[in-house]
C-alpha atoms as a PDB file:
ATOM      1  CA  VAL A   1     -65.000  39.565-220.248  1.00  0.00           C
ATOM      2  CA  ASN A   2     -63.954  41.301-217.046  1.00  0.00           C
ATOM      3  CA  GLU A   3     -64.211  38.098-215.016  1.00  0.00           C
ATOM      4  CA  ILE A   4     -61.607  36.350-217.161  1.00  0.00           C
ATOM      5  CA  ALA A   5     -59.530  39.487-217.819  1.00  0.00           C
ATOM      6  CA  VAL A   6     -58.388  39.363-214.181  1.00  0.00           C
ATOM      7  CA  MET A   7     -56.479  36.165-215.041  1.00  0.00           C
ATOM      8  CA  GLY A   8     -54.994  37.703-218.169  1.00  0.00           C
ATOM      9  CA  ALA A   9     -57.306  35.754-220.480  1.00  0.00           C
ATOM     10  CA  GLU A  10     -58.758  36.918-223.789  1.00  0.00           C
ATOM     11  CA  PRO A  11     -62.364  35.943-224.621  1.00  0.00           C
ATOM     12  CA  LEU A  12     -62.992  33.294-227.251  1.00  0.00           C
ATOM     13  CA  PHE A  13     -66.738  32.643-227.179  1.00  0.00           C
ATOM     14  CA  PHE A  14     -69.882  33.316-225.172  1.00  0.00           C
ATOM     15  CA  LEU A  15     -73.085  31.336-224.597  1.00  0.00           C
ATOM     16  CA  ASP A  16     -76.245  32.994-223.338  1.00  0.00           C
ATOM     17  CA  TYR A  17     -79.314  31.884-221.393  1.00  0.00           C
ATOM     18  CA  ILE A  18     -82.668  33.672-221.242  1.00  0.00           C
ATOM     19  CA  GLY A  19     -85.456  32.287-219.066  1.00  0.00           C
ATOM     20  CA  THR A  20     -88.970  33.722-218.709  1.00  0.00           C
ATOM     21  CA  GLY A  21     -92.603  32.766-218.304  1.00  0.00           C
ATOM     22  CA  LYS A  22     -93.645  34.041-221.721  1.00  0.00           C
ATOM     23  CA  LEU A  23     -91.153  35.448-224.171  1.00  0.00           C
ATOM     24  CA  GLN A  24     -91.901  38.888-225.577  1.00  0.00           C
ATOM     25  CA  PRO A  25     -90.289  39.357-229.029  1.00  0.00           C
ATOM     26  CA  ARG A  26     -89.262  42.957-228.299  1.00  0.00           C
ATOM     27  CA  VAL A  27     -87.484  42.005-225.077  1.00  0.00           C
ATOM     28  CA  PHE A  28     -85.871  38.970-226.702  1.00  0.00           C
ATOM     29  CA  GLN A  29     -84.559  41.098-229.578  1.00  0.00           C
ATOM     30  CA  GLN A  30     -83.114  43.719-227.224  1.00  0.00           C
ATOM     31  CA  ASN A  31     -81.360  41.040-225.171  1.00  0.00           C
ATOM     32  CA  ILE A  32     -79.800  39.379-228.196  1.00  0.00           C
ATOM     33  CA  GLN A  33     -78.748  42.742-229.634  1.00  0.00           C
ATOM     34  CA  GLY A  34     -77.050  43.513-226.322  1.00  0.00           C
ATOM     35  CA  PHE A  35     -75.219  40.176-226.318  1.00  0.00           C
ATOM     36  CA  ASP A  36     -74.183  40.744-229.921  1.00  0.00           C
ATOM     37  CA  ARG A  37     -72.921  44.273-229.267  1.00  0.00           C
ATOM     38  CA  GLY A  38     -70.915  43.180-226.223  1.00  0.00           C
ATOM     39  CA  CYS A  39     -69.343  40.267-228.060  1.00  0.00           C
ATOM     40  CA  THR A  40     -68.504  42.356-231.121  1.00  0.00           C
ATOM     41  CA  GLU A  41     -66.815  45.059-229.047  1.00  0.00           C
ATOM     42  CA  ASN A  42     -64.690  42.437-227.306  1.00  0.00           C
ATOM     43  CA  LYS A  43     -63.884  40.326-230.389  1.00  0.00           C
ATOM     44  CA  CYS A  44     -65.748  37.399-228.882  1.00  0.00           C
ATOM     45  CA  ALA A  45     -67.944  34.914-230.775  1.00  0.00           C
ATOM     46  CA  LEU A  46     -71.584  34.519-229.726  1.00  0.00           C
ATOM     47  CA  ILE A  47     -72.056  30.831-230.495  1.00  0.00           C
ATOM     48  CA  GLY A  48     -75.528  30.212-229.096  1.00  0.00           C
ATOM     49  CA  GLY A  49     -77.145  29.261-225.843  1.00  0.00           C
ATOM     50  CA  GLU A  50     -80.634  28.505-224.580  1.00  0.00           C
ATOM     51  CA  THR A  51     -83.954  30.314-224.387  1.00  0.00           C
ATOM     52  CA  ALA A  52     -86.485  28.789-221.989  1.00  0.00           C
ATOM     53  CA  GLN A  53     -90.175  29.620-221.521  1.00  0.00           C
ATOM     54  CA  MET A  54     -91.449  28.325-218.169  1.00  0.00           C
ATOM     55  CA  PRO A  55     -94.943  29.616-217.331  1.00  0.00           C
ATOM     56  CA  GLY A  56     -95.655  29.377-213.618  1.00  0.00           C
ATOM     57  CA  PHE A  57     -91.978  29.356-212.689  1.00  0.00           C
ATOM     58  CA  TYR A  58     -91.287  32.999-213.536  1.00  0.00           C
ATOM     59  CA  GLN A  59     -93.656  35.795-212.558  1.00  0.00           C
ATOM     60  CA  PRO A  60     -95.108  37.844-215.458  1.00  0.00           C
ATOM     61  CA  GLY A  61     -92.526  40.294-216.740  1.00  0.00           C
ATOM     62  CA  GLU A  62     -89.596  38.534-215.042  1.00  0.00           C
ATOM     63  CA  TYR A  63     -86.524  37.503-217.023  1.00  0.00           C
ATOM     64  CA  ASP A  64     -83.531  35.448-215.963  1.00  0.00           C
ATOM     65  CA  VAL A  65     -80.486  36.357-218.064  1.00  0.00           C
ATOM     66  CA  SER A  66     -77.073  34.752-217.669  1.00  0.00           C
ATOM     67  CA  GLY A  67     -74.137  33.592-219.700  1.00  0.00           C
ATOM     68  CA  THR A  68     -70.926  31.611-219.844  1.00  0.00           C
ATOM     69  CA  ILE A  69     -67.679  32.875-221.342  1.00  0.00           C
ATOM     70  CA  VAL A  70     -64.615  30.879-222.354  1.00  0.00           C
ATOM     71  CA  GLY A  71     -61.238  32.520-222.833  1.00  0.00           C
ATOM     72  CA  VAL A  72     -57.596  31.602-223.287  1.00  0.00           C
ATOM     73  CA  VAL A  73     -54.272  32.541-221.691  1.00  0.00           C
ATOM     74  CA  GLU A  74     -50.856  30.909-221.783  1.00  0.00           C
ATOM     75  CA  LYS A  75     -50.291  28.954-218.557  1.00  0.00           C
ATOM     76  CA  SER A  76     -47.049  30.808-217.887  1.00  0.00           C
ATOM     77  CA  LYS A  77     -48.835  34.157-218.186  1.00  0.00           C
ATOM     78  CA  ILE A  78     -51.782  33.520-215.867  1.00  0.00           C
ATOM     79  CA  LEU A  79     -52.216  36.307-213.331  1.00  0.00           C
ATOM     80  CA  ASP A  80     -52.557  34.606-209.943  1.00  0.00           C
ATOM     81  CA  GLY A  81     -51.237  37.276-207.573  1.00  0.00           C
ATOM     82  CA  ARG A  82     -48.343  35.155-206.318  1.00  0.00           C
ATOM     83  CA  GLN A  83     -45.788  37.880-207.063  1.00  0.00           C
ATOM     84  CA  ILE A  84     -47.641  40.512-205.020  1.00  0.00           C
ATOM     85  CA  GLN A  85     -45.632  41.674-202.021  1.00  0.00           C
ATOM     86  CA  PRO A  86     -45.838  44.306-199.265  1.00  0.00           C
ATOM     87  CA  GLY A  87     -45.183  47.784-200.651  1.00  0.00           C
ATOM     88  CA  ASP A  88     -46.877  47.241-204.003  1.00  0.00           C
ATOM     89  CA  ALA A  89     -49.396  49.838-205.176  1.00  0.00           C
ATOM     90  CA  VAL A  90     -53.063  49.555-206.138  1.00  0.00           C
ATOM     91  CA  ILE A  91     -54.337  51.375-209.241  1.00  0.00           C
ATOM     92  CA  GLY A  92     -58.084  51.885-209.636  1.00  0.00           C
ATOM     93  CA  LEU A  93     -59.833  51.944-213.014  1.00  0.00           C
ATOM     94  CA  ALA A  94     -62.927  54.142-213.104  1.00  0.00           C
ATOM     95  CA  SER A  95     -66.374  52.589-213.357  1.00  0.00           C
ATOM     96  CA  SER A  96     -69.288  54.063-215.312  1.00  0.00           C
ATOM     97  CA  GLY A  97     -71.874  53.523-212.583  1.00  0.00           C
ATOM     98  CA  LEU A  98     -73.353  50.576-210.706  1.00  0.00           C
ATOM     99  CA  HIS A  99     -72.079  48.168-213.382  1.00  0.00           C
ATOM    100  CA  THR A 100     -73.957  44.965-212.548  1.00  0.00           C
ATOM    101  CA  ASN A 101     -74.036  44.960-208.766  1.00  0.00           C
ATOM    102  CA  GLY A 102     -76.066  46.514-205.973  1.00  0.00           C
ATOM    103  CA  TYR A 103     -79.261  46.993-207.962  1.00  0.00           C
ATOM    104  CA  SER A 104     -81.571  45.562-205.288  1.00  0.00           C
ATOM    105  CA  LEU A 105     -80.334  48.107-202.757  1.00  0.00           C
ATOM    106  CA  ALA A 106     -80.246  50.918-205.342  1.00  0.00           C
ATOM    107  CA  ARG A 107     -83.859  50.255-206.386  1.00  0.00           C
ATOM    108  CA  GLN A 108     -84.903  50.229-202.755  1.00  0.00           C
ATOM    109  CA  ILE A 109     -83.233  53.591-202.136  1.00  0.00           C
ATOM    110  CA  PHE A 110     -84.408  55.360-205.297  1.00  0.00           C
ATOM    111  CA  PHE A 111     -87.894  53.890-205.741  1.00  0.00           C
ATOM    112  CA  GLU A 112     -89.016  53.014-202.205  1.00  0.00           C
ATOM    113  CA  ARG A 113     -87.126  55.307-199.859  1.00  0.00           C
ATOM    114  CA  MET A 114     -86.933  58.385-202.141  1.00  0.00           C
ATOM    115  CA  LYS A 115     -90.281  57.616-203.889  1.00  0.00           C
ATOM    116  CA  LEU A 116     -88.818  58.312-207.336  1.00  0.00           C
ATOM    117  CA  LYS A 117     -89.747  56.846-210.719  1.00  0.00           C
ATOM    118  CA  PRO A 118     -87.393  55.760-213.519  1.00  0.00           C
ATOM    119  CA  SER A 119     -88.382  58.965-215.337  1.00  0.00           C
ATOM    120  CA  SER A 120     -87.604  61.190-212.329  1.00  0.00           C
ATOM    121  CA  ARG A 121     -84.737  63.659-212.539  1.00  0.00           C
ATOM    122  CA  LEU A 122     -82.336  64.765-209.846  1.00  0.00           C
ATOM    123  CA  PRO A 123     -80.078  67.840-209.945  1.00  0.00           C
ATOM    124  CA  GLU A 124     -77.051  65.550-209.473  1.00  0.00           C
ATOM    125  CA  PHE A 125     -77.784  63.709-212.762  1.00  0.00           C
ATOM    126  CA  SER A 126     -77.778  65.025-216.320  1.00  0.00           C
ATOM    127  CA  ARG A 127     -80.421  62.437-217.263  1.00  0.00           C
ATOM    128  CA  SER A 128     -83.269  60.479-215.688  1.00  0.00           C
ATOM    129  CA  VAL A 129     -82.785  58.099-212.764  1.00  0.00           C
ATOM    130  CA  GLY A 130     -83.679  55.166-215.015  1.00  0.00           C
ATOM    131  CA  GLU A 131     -81.092  56.148-217.620  1.00  0.00           C
ATOM    132  CA  GLU A 132     -78.486  56.566-214.884  1.00  0.00           C
ATOM    133  CA  LEU A 133     -79.206  53.059-213.610  1.00  0.00           C
ATOM    134  CA  LEU A 134     -78.985  51.636-217.155  1.00  0.00           C
ATOM    135  CA  GLU A 135     -75.453  52.953-217.765  1.00  0.00           C
ATOM    136  CA  VAL A 136     -73.484  50.259-219.598  1.00  0.00           C
ATOM    137  CA  HIS A 137     -70.911  48.262-217.601  1.00  0.00           C
ATOM    138  CA  VAL A 138     -67.362  49.130-218.695  1.00  0.00           C
ATOM    139  CA  SER A 139     -65.456  46.334-220.426  1.00  0.00           C
ATOM    140  CA  TYR A 140     -61.850  46.424-219.224  1.00  0.00           C
ATOM    141  CA  GLY A 141     -60.694  43.419-221.271  1.00  0.00           C
ATOM    142  CA  PRO A 142     -59.113  45.300-224.197  1.00  0.00           C
ATOM    143  CA  LEU A 143     -57.277  47.691-221.852  1.00  0.00           C
ATOM    144  CA  VAL A 144     -55.998  44.809-219.718  1.00  0.00           C
ATOM    145  CA  GLN A 145     -54.610  43.047-222.789  1.00  0.00           C
ATOM    146  CA  GLN A 146     -52.812  46.220-223.859  1.00  0.00           C
ATOM    147  CA  LEU A 147     -51.395  46.629-220.348  1.00  0.00           C
ATOM    148  CA  LEU A 148     -50.078  43.073-220.330  1.00  0.00           C
ATOM    149  CA  LYS A 149     -48.464  43.427-223.744  1.00  0.00           C
ATOM    150  CA  LYS A 150     -46.699  46.634-222.713  1.00  0.00           C
ATOM    151  CA  PHE A 151     -45.752  45.973-219.085  1.00  0.00           C
ATOM    152  CA  ASN A 152     -45.525  42.154-218.820  1.00  0.00           C
ATOM    153  CA  ARG A 153     -43.130  41.481-221.665  1.00  0.00           C
ATOM    154  CA  ALA A 154     -41.158  38.243-221.744  1.00  0.00           C
ATOM    155  CA  GLY A 155     -37.691  38.441-220.280  1.00  0.00           C
ATOM    156  CA  ARG A 156     -38.414  41.111-217.683  1.00  0.00           C
ATOM    157  CA  PRO A 157     -40.267  41.121-214.329  1.00  0.00           C
ATOM    158  CA  ALA A 158     -44.028  41.410-214.749  1.00  0.00           C
ATOM    159  CA  ALA A 159     -45.345  44.809-213.652  1.00  0.00           C
ATOM    160  CA  ILE A 160     -49.010  43.761-213.667  1.00  0.00           C
ATOM    161  CA  LYS A 161     -49.058  41.357-210.716  1.00  0.00           C
ATOM    162  CA  GLY A 162     -52.741  40.943-209.956  1.00  0.00           C
ATOM    163  CA  ILE A 163     -56.152  42.263-210.969  1.00  0.00           C
ATOM    164  CA  ALA A 164     -59.467  42.317-209.099  1.00  0.00           C
ATOM    165  CA  HIS A 165     -62.838  43.025-210.684  1.00  0.00           C
ATOM    166  CA  ILE A 166     -64.941  45.013-208.191  1.00  0.00           C
ATOM    167  CA  THR A 167     -68.269  43.199-208.483  1.00  0.00           C
ATOM    168  CA  GLY A 168     -70.580  41.791-205.796  1.00  0.00           C
ATOM    169  CA  GLY A 169     -68.766  42.089-202.473  1.00  0.00           C
ATOM    170  CA  GLY A 170     -67.159  45.385-203.454  1.00  0.00           C
ATOM    171  CA  PHE A 171     -63.646  46.161-202.285  1.00  0.00           C
ATOM    172  CA  ILE A 172     -63.886  44.055-199.138  1.00  0.00           C
ATOM    173  CA  ASP A 173     -64.534  40.685-200.783  1.00  0.00           C
ATOM    174  CA  ASN A 174     -62.895  41.024-204.191  1.00  0.00           C
ATOM    175  CA  ILE A 175     -59.427  42.500-203.685  1.00  0.00           C
ATOM    176  CA  PRO A 176     -58.346  39.912-201.058  1.00  0.00           C
ATOM    177  CA  ARG A 177     -58.987  37.129-203.590  1.00  0.00           C
ATOM    178  CA  VAL A 178     -55.833  38.075-205.472  1.00  0.00           C
ATOM    179  CA  LEU A 179     -53.587  38.694-202.439  1.00  0.00           C
ATOM    180  CA  PRO A 180     -51.054  36.199-201.034  1.00  0.00           C
ATOM    181  CA  GLU A 181     -51.544  35.183-197.398  1.00  0.00           C
ATOM    182  CA  ASN A 182     -48.807  37.547-196.184  1.00  0.00           C
ATOM    183  CA  CYS A 183     -50.411  40.636-197.728  1.00  0.00           C
ATOM    184  CA  ASP A 184     -53.230  42.980-196.890  1.00  0.00           C
ATOM    185  CA  VAL A 185     -54.344  46.105-198.710  1.00  0.00           C
ATOM    186  CA  VAL A 186     -55.055  49.717-197.779  1.00  0.00           C
ATOM    187  CA  ILE A 187     -57.532  51.649-199.930  1.00  0.00           C
ATOM    188  CA  ARG A 188     -57.606  55.417-199.426  1.00  0.00           C
ATOM    189  CA  LYS A 189     -61.281  56.166-199.991  1.00  0.00           C
ATOM    190  CA  HIS A 190     -60.912  59.847-200.874  1.00  0.00           C
ATOM    191  CA  SER A 191     -58.183  59.354-203.461  1.00  0.00           C
ATOM    192  CA  TRP A 192     -60.628  59.253-206.396  1.00  0.00           C
ATOM    193  CA  GLU A 193     -63.765  61.109-207.465  1.00  0.00           C
ATOM    194  CA  VAL A 194     -66.929  59.245-206.461  1.00  0.00           C
ATOM    195  CA  LEU A 195     -69.599  59.281-209.181  1.00  0.00           C
ATOM    196  CA  PRO A 196     -72.809  61.285-208.532  1.00  0.00           C
ATOM    197  CA  ILE A 197     -74.968  58.134-208.346  1.00  0.00           C
ATOM    198  CA  PHE A 198     -72.939  56.886-205.385  1.00  0.00           C
ATOM    199  CA  GLN A 199     -72.986  60.311-203.760  1.00  0.00           C
ATOM    200  CA  VAL A 200     -76.800  60.279-203.872  1.00  0.00           C
ATOM    201  CA  ILE A 201     -76.977  56.715-202.545  1.00  0.00           C
ATOM    202  CA  GLU A 202     -74.646  57.625-199.697  1.00  0.00           C
ATOM    203  CA  ALA A 203     -76.513  60.845-198.843  1.00  0.00           C
ATOM    204  CA  LYS A 204     -80.072  59.539-199.152  1.00  0.00           C
ATOM    205  CA  GLY A 205     -79.784  55.818-198.570  1.00  0.00           C
ATOM    206  CA  GLY A 206     -79.168  55.659-194.859  1.00  0.00           C
ATOM    207  CA  VAL A 207     -76.586  52.933-195.499  1.00  0.00           C
ATOM    208  CA  ALA A 208     -73.462  52.521-193.363  1.00  0.00           C
ATOM    209  CA  GLU A 209     -70.265  53.494-195.165  1.00  0.00           C
ATOM    210  CA  ALA A 210     -68.754  50.037-194.660  1.00  0.00           C
ATOM    211  CA  GLU A 211     -71.756  48.449-196.373  1.00  0.00           C
ATOM    212  CA  LEU A 212     -71.525  50.841-199.319  1.00  0.00           C
ATOM    213  CA  TYR A 213     -67.987  49.675-200.066  1.00  0.00           C
ATOM    214  CA  GLN A 214     -69.061  46.035-199.824  1.00  0.00           C
ATOM    215  CA  VAL A 215     -72.144  46.377-202.043  1.00  0.00           C
ATOM    216  CA  PHE A 216     -71.086  48.939-204.658  1.00  0.00           C
ATOM    217  CA  ASN A 217     -67.925  49.647-206.656  1.00  0.00           C
ATOM    218  CA  MET A 218     -68.130  53.315-205.529  1.00  0.00           C
ATOM    219  CA  GLY A 219     -66.578  54.504-208.795  1.00  0.00           C
ATOM    220  CA  VAL A 220     -63.737  51.970-209.126  1.00  0.00           C
ATOM    221  CA  GLY A 221     -64.618  49.044-211.382  1.00  0.00           C
ATOM    222  CA  MET A 222     -61.292  47.235-211.411  1.00  0.00           C
ATOM    223  CA  THR A 223     -58.059  47.359-209.408  1.00  0.00           C
ATOM    224  CA  ILE A 224     -54.563  46.521-210.633  1.00  0.00           C
ATOM    225  CA  ILE A 225     -51.684  45.724-208.275  1.00  0.00           C
ATOM    226  CA  VAL A 226     -48.240  46.815-209.482  1.00  0.00           C
ATOM    227  CA  PRO A 227     -44.784  47.581-208.014  1.00  0.00           C
ATOM    228  CA  ALA A 228     -44.798  50.979-206.307  1.00  0.00           C
ATOM    229  CA  ASP A 229     -42.079  52.354-208.599  1.00  0.00           C
ATOM    230  CA  LYS A 230     -44.120  51.372-211.682  1.00  0.00           C
ATOM    231  CA  ALA A 231     -47.421  52.839-210.512  1.00  0.00           C
ATOM    232  CA  ASP A 232     -46.969  56.358-211.913  1.00  0.00           C
ATOM    233  CA  PRO A 233     -45.790  55.369-215.427  1.00  0.00           C
ATOM    234  CA  ILE A 234     -48.529  52.716-215.670  1.00  0.00           C
ATOM    235  CA  LEU A 235     -51.168  55.195-214.514  1.00  0.00           C
ATOM    236  CA  ARG A 236     -49.948  57.806-216.995  1.00  0.00           C
ATOM    237  CA  TRP A 237     -50.104  55.258-219.797  1.00  0.00           C
ATOM    238  CA  ILE A 238     -53.670  54.249-218.832  1.00  0.00           C
ATOM    239  CA  ARG A 239     -54.741  57.883-218.913  1.00  0.00           C
ATOM    240  CA  THR A 240     -53.309  58.344-222.422  1.00  0.00           C
ATOM    241  CA  GLN A 241     -55.365  55.350-223.595  1.00  0.00           C
ATOM    242  CA  SER A 242     -58.582  56.783-222.129  1.00  0.00           C
ATOM    243  CA  GLN A 243     -58.042  59.964-224.127  1.00  0.00           C
ATOM    244  CA  LYS A 244     -57.878  58.178-227.478  1.00  0.00           C
END
């Protein structure tokens, strides 16, 4: 949903794929329930997919889970970043945690370097390490659609000029995708509150700061580029929505 929201598209339907050596009914049920919950929350139809059992290809206990989403947006309303210009502002939308990126490095830090278990507890977390790592990825699609309806109305200049989903590649690889060739971006790293999970990774991981911002979202799951004079009213409106 987030991957197509950056273009201004609304989800229509989703197809899933689950691959494993031997399918365990409990795991299969939990996966399908997760797909169903995500699609329901985003008004998206789950129309099927494929489940493959391939003994010898997958190691015992391994699962390969992926999916394909199809959405729709009017051609004239596609967000392509062409209207972005020097002086525009970047708004960050808070993440809930790792989302779906950086887990290989996070597992290495928590379970190999720090010698923790999923059931371990740290003073920085209000729950176990495993529960912290399983925090659900925020879906920004509904909020993006509301933003577009309010601030990109027909007959007036569009205030939402470009959106970047901070996934694999972090800030460094994702934000430039939406920028015109004549633009760069400056992110002020201490302008938002970094979530505890990233604070622990930074303190205990022995990872260079530059790498952290290329692997993890560091507390910002999506960025929106808007005219500087529209940034404050748009940000205020977003905050009112988060309080509902």
